[in-house]
Amino acid sequence: MNLFYTIISQEAQPQTDPTLSLGGFCSASQVPSEDTNVLFSTVSQYGIEKHRPEYICICLKNIFERRIENITFWFEFDDQQDYQCKYRVAFSKPNGRQLEQVSSIYAKPVYATFDTANGIDDAISLPDMDHNDIIGIWIERTIDMDSEEIKNRRNCDWLYENRNVVLPTQESLEIKINFDD
């Protein structure tokens, strides 16, 4: 099972800009393992002020020569990190080999129903997959306006008193996929 970026042109073409992984087809570009902060751009002051959800679509592909069963998906969060964003996920079956596509990172996919998948206790079951089957994974990122990091960024007194503090602009979470061997 591998994760790939998506591309709007045609299947198995390289995706040179991961921020344009907006559905369409499964590209030839794998999402690097252990590096989920390659899915979204940095958290900026502009993004905080606009407070718009962002969407990225990646593709789960069964590369094994057999049927894969009992697939579960969840996000794993680092207990040592204060998160500025909330994440939800939706899954989509392709129409033939094509997934729903959107026009921008701010466009919500029409046929996606988003749920939390925060930890193994909140894992989502996926359908069994035959060799070469794909499933679209839509990830939604929203700014958590109640997080301490975001409250501090919006507090002029705190910013002045802590002007030498470098505010985080990226955060990492792990995508976990489990299945029967």
N, C-alpha and C. Protein backbone atom coordinates (compact mmCIF):
# COMPACT_ATOMS: atom_id res chain seq x y z
N MET A 1 0.85 -1.16 0.00
CA MET A 1 0.00 0.00 0.00
C MET A 1 0.90 1.23 0.00
N ASN A 2 0.72 2.07 -0.99
CA ASN A 2 1.51 3.29 -1.07
C ASN A 2 0.58 4.49 -1.22
N LEU A 3 1.07 5.64 -0.74
CA LEU A 3 0.36 6.90 -0.91
C LEU A 3 1.02 7.69 -2.04
N PHE A 4 0.18 8.22 -2.93
CA PHE A 4 0.65 9.02 -4.06
C PHE A 4 -0.08 10.36 -4.06
N TYR A 5 0.59 11.38 -4.58
CA TYR A 5 -0.11 12.64 -4.83
C TYR A 5 -1.07 12.41 -5.99
N THR A 6 -2.01 13.33 -6.17
CA THR A 6 -2.91 13.26 -7.32
C THR A 6 -2.51 14.34 -8.33
N ILE A 7 -3.03 14.18 -9.54
CA ILE A 7 -2.72 15.11 -10.63
C ILE A 7 -3.95 15.19 -11.53
N ILE A 8 -4.22 16.36 -12.11
CA ILE A 8 -5.43 16.51 -12.90
C ILE A 8 -5.27 16.09 -14.36
N SER A 9 -4.04 15.95 -14.86
CA SER A 9 -3.84 15.70 -16.29
C SER A 9 -4.15 14.26 -16.70
N GLN A 10 -3.36 13.31 -16.24
CA GLN A 10 -3.60 11.91 -16.56
C GLN A 10 -2.87 11.02 -15.58
N GLU A 11 -3.33 9.78 -15.48
CA GLU A 11 -2.79 8.85 -14.51
C GLU A 11 -1.31 8.57 -14.74
N ALA A 12 -0.59 8.36 -13.64
CA ALA A 12 0.81 7.94 -13.62
C ALA A 12 1.79 8.99 -14.15
N GLN A 13 1.38 10.25 -14.18
CA GLN A 13 2.30 11.33 -14.52
C GLN A 13 2.86 11.90 -13.22
N PRO A 14 4.09 12.43 -13.24
CA PRO A 14 4.65 12.98 -12.01
C PRO A 14 3.91 14.25 -11.56
N GLN A 15 3.76 14.39 -10.26
CA GLN A 15 3.19 15.62 -9.68
C GLN A 15 4.38 16.44 -9.18
N THR A 16 4.66 17.55 -9.84
CA THR A 16 5.82 18.36 -9.50
C THR A 16 5.54 19.37 -8.39
N ASP A 17 4.26 19.62 -8.11
CA ASP A 17 3.89 20.57 -7.06
C ASP A 17 2.85 19.93 -6.15
N PRO A 18 3.27 19.37 -5.02
CA PRO A 18 2.33 18.67 -4.14
C PRO A 18 1.16 19.53 -3.65
N THR A 19 1.32 20.86 -3.63
CA THR A 19 0.19 21.70 -3.21
C THR A 19 -0.92 21.71 -4.25
N LEU A 20 -0.65 21.15 -5.44
CA LEU A 20 -1.68 21.03 -6.48
C LEU A 20 -2.24 19.62 -6.54
N SER A 21 -2.09 18.87 -5.47
CA SER A 21 -2.66 17.52 -5.38
C SER A 21 -4.13 17.67 -5.02
N LEU A 22 -4.93 17.97 -6.04
CA LEU A 22 -6.33 18.38 -5.85
C LEU A 22 -7.31 17.40 -6.47
N GLY A 23 -6.94 16.13 -6.51
CA GLY A 23 -7.82 15.11 -7.07
C GLY A 23 -7.47 14.85 -8.53
N GLY A 24 -8.36 14.15 -9.21
CA GLY A 24 -8.13 13.78 -10.61
C GLY A 24 -7.65 12.35 -10.69
N PHE A 25 -6.37 12.19 -10.96
CA PHE A 25 -5.79 10.86 -11.14
C PHE A 25 -4.67 10.61 -10.14
N CYS A 26 -4.37 9.36 -9.92
CA CYS A 26 -3.24 8.97 -9.08
C CYS A 26 -1.96 9.26 -9.87
N SER A 27 -1.08 10.08 -9.32
CA SER A 27 0.15 10.44 -10.04
C SER A 27 1.21 9.37 -9.87
N ALA A 28 2.37 9.60 -10.44
CA ALA A 28 3.51 8.70 -10.28
C ALA A 28 4.39 9.12 -9.11
N SER A 29 4.01 10.20 -8.42
CA SER A 29 4.84 10.75 -7.34
C SER A 29 4.34 10.29 -5.98
N GLN A 30 5.16 9.49 -5.30
CA GLN A 30 4.80 9.00 -3.97
C GLN A 30 4.91 10.11 -2.94
N VAL A 31 3.99 10.07 -1.96
CA VAL A 31 4.10 10.96 -0.81
C VAL A 31 5.25 10.41 0.03
N PRO A 32 6.26 11.23 0.33
CA PRO A 32 7.39 10.72 1.12
C PRO A 32 6.93 10.21 2.49
N SER A 33 7.39 9.03 2.88
CA SER A 33 6.99 8.51 4.19
C SER A 33 7.60 9.34 5.30
N GLU A 34 6.90 9.32 6.41
CA GLU A 34 7.35 9.99 7.63
C GLU A 34 7.51 11.49 7.43
N ASP A 35 6.86 12.07 6.44
CA ASP A 35 7.02 13.50 6.18
C ASP A 35 5.68 14.09 5.75
N THR A 36 4.72 14.15 6.68
CA THR A 36 3.39 14.63 6.30
C THR A 36 3.29 16.13 6.19
N ASN A 37 4.31 16.88 6.61
CA ASN A 37 4.21 18.32 6.44
C ASN A 37 4.53 18.73 5.01
N VAL A 38 4.55 17.76 4.09
CA VAL A 38 4.68 18.07 2.67
C VAL A 38 3.30 18.18 2.02
N LEU A 39 2.24 18.04 2.79
CA LEU A 39 0.89 18.09 2.22
C LEU A 39 0.34 19.51 2.14
N PHE A 40 0.61 20.32 3.13
CA PHE A 40 0.07 21.68 3.18
C PHE A 40 1.20 22.68 3.31
N SER A 41 0.94 23.90 2.88
CA SER A 41 1.94 24.96 3.04
C SER A 41 1.98 25.38 4.52
N THR A 42 2.82 26.33 4.83
CA THR A 42 2.96 26.79 6.20
C THR A 42 1.71 27.53 6.67
N VAL A 43 1.54 27.58 7.98
CA VAL A 43 0.45 28.34 8.58
C VAL A 43 0.91 29.80 8.62
N SER A 44 0.21 30.64 7.87
CA SER A 44 0.61 32.05 7.77
C SER A 44 -0.40 32.94 8.49
N GLN A 45 0.00 34.16 8.74
CA GLN A 45 -0.92 35.13 9.34
C GLN A 45 -2.11 35.37 8.42
N TYR A 46 -1.84 35.41 7.11
CA TYR A 46 -2.93 35.56 6.13
C TYR A 46 -3.93 34.41 6.25
N GLY A 47 -3.43 33.19 6.35
CA GLY A 47 -4.31 32.03 6.50
C GLY A 47 -5.11 32.08 7.77
N ILE A 48 -4.49 32.57 8.85
CA ILE A 48 -5.20 32.69 10.12
C ILE A 48 -6.31 33.73 9.99
N GLU A 49 -6.02 34.86 9.38
CA GLU A 49 -7.03 35.92 9.24
C GLU A 49 -8.19 35.48 8.35
N LYS A 50 -7.88 34.77 7.27
CA LYS A 50 -8.94 34.32 6.35
C LYS A 50 -9.72 33.14 6.92
N HIS A 51 -9.06 32.32 7.72
CA HIS A 51 -9.69 31.18 8.41
C HIS A 51 -10.51 30.33 7.45
N ARG A 52 -9.90 29.94 6.33
CA ARG A 52 -10.57 29.10 5.34
C ARG A 52 -10.01 27.69 5.40
N PRO A 53 -10.88 26.68 5.37
CA PRO A 53 -10.37 25.31 5.30
C PRO A 53 -9.58 25.08 4.02
N GLU A 54 -8.59 24.20 4.10
CA GLU A 54 -7.79 23.81 2.94
C GLU A 54 -7.96 22.32 2.72
N TYR A 55 -7.89 21.91 1.45
CA TYR A 55 -8.11 20.51 1.08
C TYR A 55 -6.99 20.01 0.18
N ILE A 56 -6.54 18.80 0.45
CA ILE A 56 -5.55 18.11 -0.38
C ILE A 56 -6.07 16.70 -0.61
N CYS A 57 -5.82 16.16 -1.79
CA CYS A 57 -6.22 14.79 -2.08
C CYS A 57 -4.97 13.97 -2.39
N ILE A 58 -4.83 12.87 -1.69
CA ILE A 58 -3.79 11.91 -2.00
C ILE A 58 -4.47 10.58 -2.33
N CYS A 59 -3.72 9.69 -2.87
CA CYS A 59 -4.28 8.43 -3.38
C CYS A 59 -3.63 7.26 -2.67
N LEU A 60 -4.45 6.36 -2.13
CA LEU A 60 -3.94 5.10 -1.57
C LEU A 60 -4.06 4.05 -2.65
N LYS A 61 -2.94 3.41 -2.98
CA LYS A 61 -2.91 2.42 -4.06
C LYS A 61 -2.40 1.09 -3.52
N ASN A 62 -3.12 0.02 -3.85
CA ASN A 62 -2.68 -1.32 -3.47
C ASN A 62 -1.65 -1.80 -4.49
N ILE A 63 -0.40 -1.83 -4.07
CA ILE A 63 0.68 -2.26 -4.97
C ILE A 63 0.99 -3.75 -4.82
N PHE A 64 0.30 -4.40 -3.86
CA PHE A 64 0.53 -5.82 -3.64
C PHE A 64 -0.17 -6.64 -4.71
N GLU A 65 0.32 -7.82 -4.96
CA GLU A 65 -0.25 -8.72 -5.97
C GLU A 65 -1.44 -9.51 -5.44
N ARG A 66 -2.02 -9.04 -4.35
CA ARG A 66 -3.13 -9.76 -3.74
C ARG A 66 -4.15 -8.76 -3.18
N ARG A 67 -5.30 -9.28 -2.80
CA ARG A 67 -6.35 -8.48 -2.18
C ARG A 67 -5.92 -8.12 -0.75
N ILE A 68 -6.14 -6.87 -0.37
CA ILE A 68 -5.83 -6.40 0.98
C ILE A 68 -7.15 -6.17 1.71
N GLU A 69 -7.25 -6.72 2.92
CA GLU A 69 -8.50 -6.67 3.68
C GLU A 69 -8.29 -6.01 5.04
N ASN A 70 -9.41 -5.61 5.64
CA ASN A 70 -9.43 -5.01 6.98
C ASN A 70 -8.49 -3.81 7.08
N ILE A 71 -8.68 -2.86 6.19
CA ILE A 71 -7.84 -1.66 6.13
C ILE A 71 -8.42 -0.61 7.08
N THR A 72 -7.58 -0.04 7.92
CA THR A 72 -7.99 1.06 8.79
C THR A 72 -7.04 2.23 8.62
N PHE A 73 -7.58 3.43 8.84
CA PHE A 73 -6.84 4.68 8.64
C PHE A 73 -7.07 5.56 9.86
N TRP A 74 -5.97 6.23 10.31
CA TRP A 74 -6.10 7.24 11.36
C TRP A 74 -4.91 8.18 11.34
N PHE A 75 -5.08 9.32 12.02
CA PHE A 75 -3.99 10.28 12.22
C PHE A 75 -3.38 10.04 13.59
N GLU A 76 -2.06 10.12 13.66
CA GLU A 76 -1.35 10.01 14.92
C GLU A 76 -0.72 11.37 15.20
N PHE A 77 -1.01 11.95 16.36
CA PHE A 77 -0.51 13.27 16.73
C PHE A 77 0.60 13.15 17.76
N ASP A 78 1.56 14.05 17.70
CA ASP A 78 2.68 14.10 18.63
C ASP A 78 2.22 14.77 19.92
N ASP A 79 2.31 14.06 21.04
CA ASP A 79 1.88 14.61 22.33
C ASP A 79 2.71 15.81 22.76
N GLN A 80 3.90 15.96 22.23
CA GLN A 80 4.79 17.05 22.63
C GLN A 80 4.56 18.32 21.82
N GLN A 81 3.68 18.28 20.85
CA GLN A 81 3.48 19.41 19.95
C GLN A 81 2.13 20.05 20.21
N ASP A 82 2.10 21.39 20.23
CA ASP A 82 0.84 22.13 20.30
C ASP A 82 0.38 22.38 18.88
N TYR A 83 -0.79 21.88 18.55
CA TYR A 83 -1.28 21.97 17.18
C TYR A 83 -2.09 23.25 16.97
N GLN A 84 -1.86 23.89 15.82
CA GLN A 84 -2.57 25.10 15.44
C GLN A 84 -3.75 24.79 14.54
N CYS A 85 -3.81 23.57 14.05
CA CYS A 85 -4.82 23.19 13.07
C CYS A 85 -5.56 21.93 13.52
N LYS A 86 -6.72 21.75 12.93
CA LYS A 86 -7.50 20.53 13.09
C LYS A 86 -7.53 19.83 11.74
N TYR A 87 -7.58 18.50 11.79
CA TYR A 87 -7.55 17.72 10.56
C TYR A 87 -8.73 16.75 10.54
N ARG A 88 -9.33 16.63 9.37
CA ARG A 88 -10.38 15.64 9.14
C ARG A 88 -10.10 14.96 7.81
N VAL A 89 -10.75 13.83 7.59
CA VAL A 89 -10.46 13.04 6.40
C VAL A 89 -11.76 12.55 5.77
N ALA A 90 -11.74 12.40 4.46
CA ALA A 90 -12.85 11.79 3.70
C ALA A 90 -12.23 10.88 2.65
N PHE A 91 -12.97 9.85 2.30
CA PHE A 91 -12.48 8.88 1.32
C PHE A 91 -13.41 8.86 0.13
N SER A 92 -12.85 8.67 -1.05
CA SER A 92 -13.68 8.60 -2.25
C SER A 92 -13.22 7.47 -3.16
N LYS A 93 -14.20 6.76 -3.68
CA LYS A 93 -13.94 5.71 -4.66
C LYS A 93 -13.82 6.39 -6.02
N PRO A 94 -12.95 5.89 -6.86
CA PRO A 94 -12.81 6.51 -8.19
C PRO A 94 -13.97 6.14 -9.11
N ASN A 95 -14.19 6.98 -10.11
CA ASN A 95 -15.09 6.68 -11.21
C ASN A 95 -14.20 6.17 -12.33
N GLY A 96 -14.13 4.87 -12.49
CA GLY A 96 -13.11 4.28 -13.36
C GLY A 96 -11.79 4.41 -12.63
N ARG A 97 -10.87 5.20 -13.16
CA ARG A 97 -9.59 5.45 -12.50
C ARG A 97 -9.47 6.91 -12.07
N GLN A 98 -10.56 7.69 -12.21
CA GLN A 98 -10.51 9.12 -11.92
C GLN A 98 -11.25 9.44 -10.63
N LEU A 99 -10.61 10.28 -9.81
CA LEU A 99 -11.19 10.77 -8.57
C LEU A 99 -11.80 12.15 -8.79
N GLU A 100 -12.68 12.53 -7.90
CA GLU A 100 -13.20 13.91 -7.95
C GLU A 100 -12.03 14.88 -7.88
N GLN A 101 -12.14 16.00 -8.58
CA GLN A 101 -11.09 17.01 -8.51
C GLN A 101 -11.71 18.36 -8.21
N VAL A 102 -10.91 19.22 -7.58
CA VAL A 102 -11.36 20.56 -7.23
C VAL A 102 -10.43 21.58 -7.89
N SER A 103 -10.87 22.83 -7.94
CA SER A 103 -10.13 23.85 -8.66
C SER A 103 -9.04 24.53 -7.84
N SER A 104 -9.15 24.48 -6.51
CA SER A 104 -8.12 25.11 -5.68
C SER A 104 -8.08 24.42 -4.33
N ILE A 105 -7.05 24.74 -3.57
CA ILE A 105 -6.89 24.14 -2.24
C ILE A 105 -8.02 24.55 -1.30
N TYR A 106 -8.74 25.62 -1.64
CA TYR A 106 -9.84 26.11 -0.80
C TYR A 106 -11.20 25.55 -1.22
N ALA A 107 -11.25 24.80 -2.30
CA ALA A 107 -12.51 24.25 -2.80
C ALA A 107 -12.78 22.90 -2.14
N LYS A 108 -13.93 22.79 -1.49
CA LYS A 108 -14.29 21.55 -0.80
C LYS A 108 -14.83 20.56 -1.82
N PRO A 109 -14.36 19.32 -1.79
CA PRO A 109 -14.91 18.32 -2.71
C PRO A 109 -16.40 18.07 -2.41
N VAL A 110 -17.19 18.03 -3.45
CA VAL A 110 -18.64 17.93 -3.32
C VAL A 110 -19.08 16.59 -2.75
N TYR A 111 -18.43 15.51 -3.17
CA TYR A 111 -18.87 14.17 -2.80
C TYR A 111 -18.13 13.60 -1.59
N ALA A 112 -17.51 14.44 -0.81
CA ALA A 112 -16.73 13.99 0.34
C ALA A 112 -17.46 14.31 1.64
N THR A 113 -17.51 13.34 2.53
CA THR A 113 -18.03 13.54 3.88
C THR A 113 -16.88 13.38 4.84
N PHE A 114 -16.53 14.46 5.53
CA PHE A 114 -15.34 14.48 6.37
C PHE A 114 -15.64 14.02 7.79
N ASP A 115 -14.69 13.25 8.34
CA ASP A 115 -14.77 12.76 9.71
C ASP A 115 -13.41 12.93 10.38
N THR A 116 -13.42 12.92 11.70
CA THR A 116 -12.15 12.90 12.42
C THR A 116 -11.62 11.46 12.40
N ALA A 117 -10.34 11.33 12.53
CA ALA A 117 -9.69 10.02 12.63
C ALA A 117 -8.49 10.20 13.55
N ASN A 118 -8.77 10.74 14.73
CA ASN A 118 -7.72 11.15 15.65
C ASN A 118 -7.33 10.01 16.59
N GLY A 119 -6.38 9.23 16.19
CA GLY A 119 -5.89 8.12 16.99
C GLY A 119 -6.54 6.80 16.59
N ILE A 120 -5.94 5.72 17.05
CA ILE A 120 -6.39 4.39 16.66
C ILE A 120 -7.82 4.10 17.14
N ASP A 121 -8.23 4.71 18.26
CA ASP A 121 -9.59 4.50 18.76
C ASP A 121 -10.64 5.16 17.87
N ASP A 122 -10.22 6.09 17.05
CA ASP A 122 -11.11 6.82 16.14
C ASP A 122 -10.83 6.42 14.67
N ALA A 123 -10.15 5.28 14.47
CA ALA A 123 -9.76 4.83 13.13
C ALA A 123 -10.98 4.59 12.25
N ILE A 124 -10.82 4.79 10.96
CA ILE A 124 -11.88 4.60 9.98
C ILE A 124 -11.56 3.37 9.15
N SER A 125 -12.56 2.50 8.99
CA SER A 125 -12.38 1.29 8.17
C SER A 125 -12.58 1.64 6.70
N LEU A 126 -11.73 1.08 5.86
CA LEU A 126 -11.80 1.29 4.42
C LEU A 126 -12.21 -0.03 3.76
N PRO A 127 -12.77 0.05 2.54
CA PRO A 127 -13.13 -1.19 1.85
C PRO A 127 -11.89 -1.99 1.45
N ASP A 128 -12.07 -3.30 1.29
CA ASP A 128 -10.99 -4.15 0.81
C ASP A 128 -10.55 -3.67 -0.57
N MET A 129 -9.28 -3.90 -0.88
CA MET A 129 -8.72 -3.41 -2.14
C MET A 129 -8.01 -4.54 -2.88
N ASP A 130 -8.35 -4.71 -4.15
CA ASP A 130 -7.64 -5.66 -5.01
C ASP A 130 -6.36 -4.99 -5.54
N HIS A 131 -5.49 -5.81 -6.15
CA HIS A 131 -4.25 -5.29 -6.73
C HIS A 131 -4.55 -4.12 -7.66
N ASN A 132 -3.82 -3.03 -7.50
CA ASN A 132 -3.90 -1.82 -8.33
C ASN A 132 -5.12 -0.96 -8.05
N ASP A 133 -6.01 -1.35 -7.12
CA ASP A 133 -7.14 -0.50 -6.74
C ASP A 133 -6.63 0.77 -6.08
N ILE A 134 -7.41 1.84 -6.21
CA ILE A 134 -7.07 3.10 -5.56
C ILE A 134 -8.27 3.62 -4.76
N ILE A 135 -7.96 4.40 -3.75
CA ILE A 135 -8.96 5.13 -2.96
C ILE A 135 -8.42 6.54 -2.79
N GLY A 136 -9.27 7.53 -3.03
CA GLY A 136 -8.89 8.92 -2.81
C GLY A 136 -9.01 9.26 -1.34
N ILE A 137 -8.01 9.93 -0.80
CA ILE A 137 -8.01 10.37 0.59
C ILE A 137 -7.96 11.89 0.59
N TRP A 138 -9.07 12.51 0.95
CA TRP A 138 -9.15 13.96 1.06
C TRP A 138 -8.83 14.34 2.50
N ILE A 139 -7.90 15.25 2.67
CA ILE A 139 -7.54 15.73 4.01
C ILE A 139 -7.90 17.20 4.09
N GLU A 140 -8.65 17.53 5.15
CA GLU A 140 -9.07 18.91 5.39
C GLU A 140 -8.27 19.47 6.56
N ARG A 141 -7.70 20.66 6.36
CA ARG A 141 -6.99 21.34 7.44
C ARG A 141 -7.70 22.66 7.72
N THR A 142 -8.06 22.87 8.98
CA THR A 142 -8.66 24.14 9.38
C THR A 142 -7.84 24.70 10.54
N ILE A 143 -7.75 26.01 10.60
CA ILE A 143 -7.06 26.67 11.70
C ILE A 143 -7.91 26.51 12.96
N ASP A 144 -7.30 26.08 14.04
CA ASP A 144 -7.98 25.94 15.32
C ASP A 144 -7.88 27.27 16.06
N MET A 145 -8.91 28.09 15.92
CA MET A 145 -8.89 29.43 16.50
C MET A 145 -8.84 29.42 18.03
N ASP A 146 -9.10 28.26 18.65
CA ASP A 146 -9.06 28.13 20.11
C ASP A 146 -7.70 27.65 20.63
N SER A 147 -6.78 27.32 19.72
CA SER A 147 -5.47 26.83 20.18
C SER A 147 -4.65 27.99 20.76
N GLU A 148 -3.80 27.66 21.72
CA GLU A 148 -2.96 28.69 22.37
C GLU A 148 -2.06 29.37 21.35
N GLU A 149 -1.51 28.60 20.41
CA GLU A 149 -0.62 29.18 19.39
C GLU A 149 -1.33 30.27 18.59
N ILE A 150 -2.55 30.01 18.19
CA ILE A 150 -3.29 30.97 17.38
C ILE A 150 -3.74 32.15 18.23
N LYS A 151 -4.19 31.89 19.44
CA LYS A 151 -4.56 33.00 20.34
C LYS A 151 -3.37 33.93 20.55
N ASN A 152 -2.18 33.36 20.76
CA ASN A 152 -0.99 34.19 20.96
C ASN A 152 -0.66 35.01 19.72
N ARG A 153 -0.82 34.44 18.55
CA ARG A 153 -0.52 35.18 17.30
C ARG A 153 -1.46 36.37 17.12
N ARG A 154 -2.62 36.33 17.75
CA ARG A 154 -3.62 37.39 17.59
C ARG A 154 -3.61 38.37 18.76
N ASN A 155 -2.70 38.18 19.72
CA ASN A 155 -2.64 39.00 20.92
C ASN A 155 -1.44 39.94 20.83
N CYS A 156 -1.70 41.21 20.59
CA CYS A 156 -0.62 42.19 20.40
C CYS A 156 0.29 42.29 21.62
N ASP A 157 -0.29 42.26 22.82
CA ASP A 157 0.53 42.35 24.03
C ASP A 157 1.47 41.16 24.13
N TRP A 158 0.95 39.97 23.89
CA TRP A 158 1.78 38.76 23.97
C TRP A 158 2.88 38.82 22.91
N LEU A 159 2.52 39.25 21.71
CA LEU A 159 3.52 39.34 20.63
C LEU A 159 4.63 40.32 20.98
N TYR A 160 4.26 41.46 21.58
CA TYR A 160 5.28 42.44 21.96
C TYR A 160 6.18 41.89 23.06
N GLU A 161 5.58 41.28 24.08
CA GLU A 161 6.36 40.75 25.20
C GLU A 161 7.24 39.58 24.78
N ASN A 162 6.86 38.88 23.74
CA ASN A 162 7.58 37.69 23.28
C ASN A 162 8.11 37.88 21.86
N ARG A 163 8.55 39.08 21.54
CA ARG A 163 8.95 39.40 20.17
C ARG A 163 10.14 38.58 19.67
N ASN A 164 10.90 37.98 20.55
CA ASN A 164 12.04 37.16 20.13
C ASN A 164 11.67 35.69 19.95
N VAL A 165 10.45 35.35 20.26
CA VAL A 165 9.99 33.97 20.11
C VAL A 165 9.65 33.71 18.65
N VAL A 166 10.17 32.63 18.12
CA VAL A 166 9.85 32.25 16.74
C VAL A 166 8.58 31.40 16.79
N LEU A 167 7.54 31.89 16.16
CA LEU A 167 6.27 31.17 16.15
C LEU A 167 6.31 30.05 15.12
N PRO A 168 5.78 28.89 15.47
CA PRO A 168 5.81 27.76 14.53
C PRO A 168 4.89 28.03 13.34
N THR A 169 5.32 27.57 12.19
CA THR A 169 4.51 27.73 10.98
C THR A 169 4.18 26.39 10.34
N GLN A 170 4.76 25.32 10.87
CA GLN A 170 4.48 23.97 10.36
C GLN A 170 4.20 23.05 11.52
N GLU A 171 3.46 22.01 11.23
CA GLU A 171 3.23 20.98 12.22
C GLU A 171 3.20 19.64 11.52
N SER A 172 3.50 18.60 12.28
CA SER A 172 3.58 17.27 11.69
C SER A 172 2.59 16.34 12.37
N LEU A 173 2.00 15.49 11.59
CA LEU A 173 1.19 14.41 12.09
C LEU A 173 1.49 13.20 11.22
N GLU A 174 1.22 12.04 11.76
CA GLU A 174 1.48 10.82 11.00
C GLU A 174 0.17 10.26 10.46
N ILE A 175 0.22 9.81 9.23
CA ILE A 175 -0.89 9.07 8.64
C ILE A 175 -0.61 7.60 8.88
N LYS A 176 -1.54 6.92 9.53
CA LYS A 176 -1.37 5.50 9.83
C LYS A 176 -2.39 4.69 9.03
N ILE A 177 -1.90 3.64 8.40
CA ILE A 177 -2.76 2.72 7.65
C ILE A 177 -2.38 1.32 8.08
N ASN A 178 -3.36 0.58 8.55
CA ASN A 178 -3.13 -0.78 9.00
C ASN A 178 -4.00 -1.72 8.18
N PHE A 179 -3.52 -2.95 7.94
CA PHE A 179 -4.29 -3.93 7.17
C PHE A 179 -3.78 -5.32 7.50
N ASP A 180 -4.59 -6.33 7.16
CA ASP A 180 -4.20 -7.72 7.40
C ASP A 180 -3.12 -8.14 6.40
N ASP A 181 -2.13 -8.88 6.89
CA ASP A 181 -1.08 -9.40 6.01
C ASP A 181 -1.50 -10.67 5.33
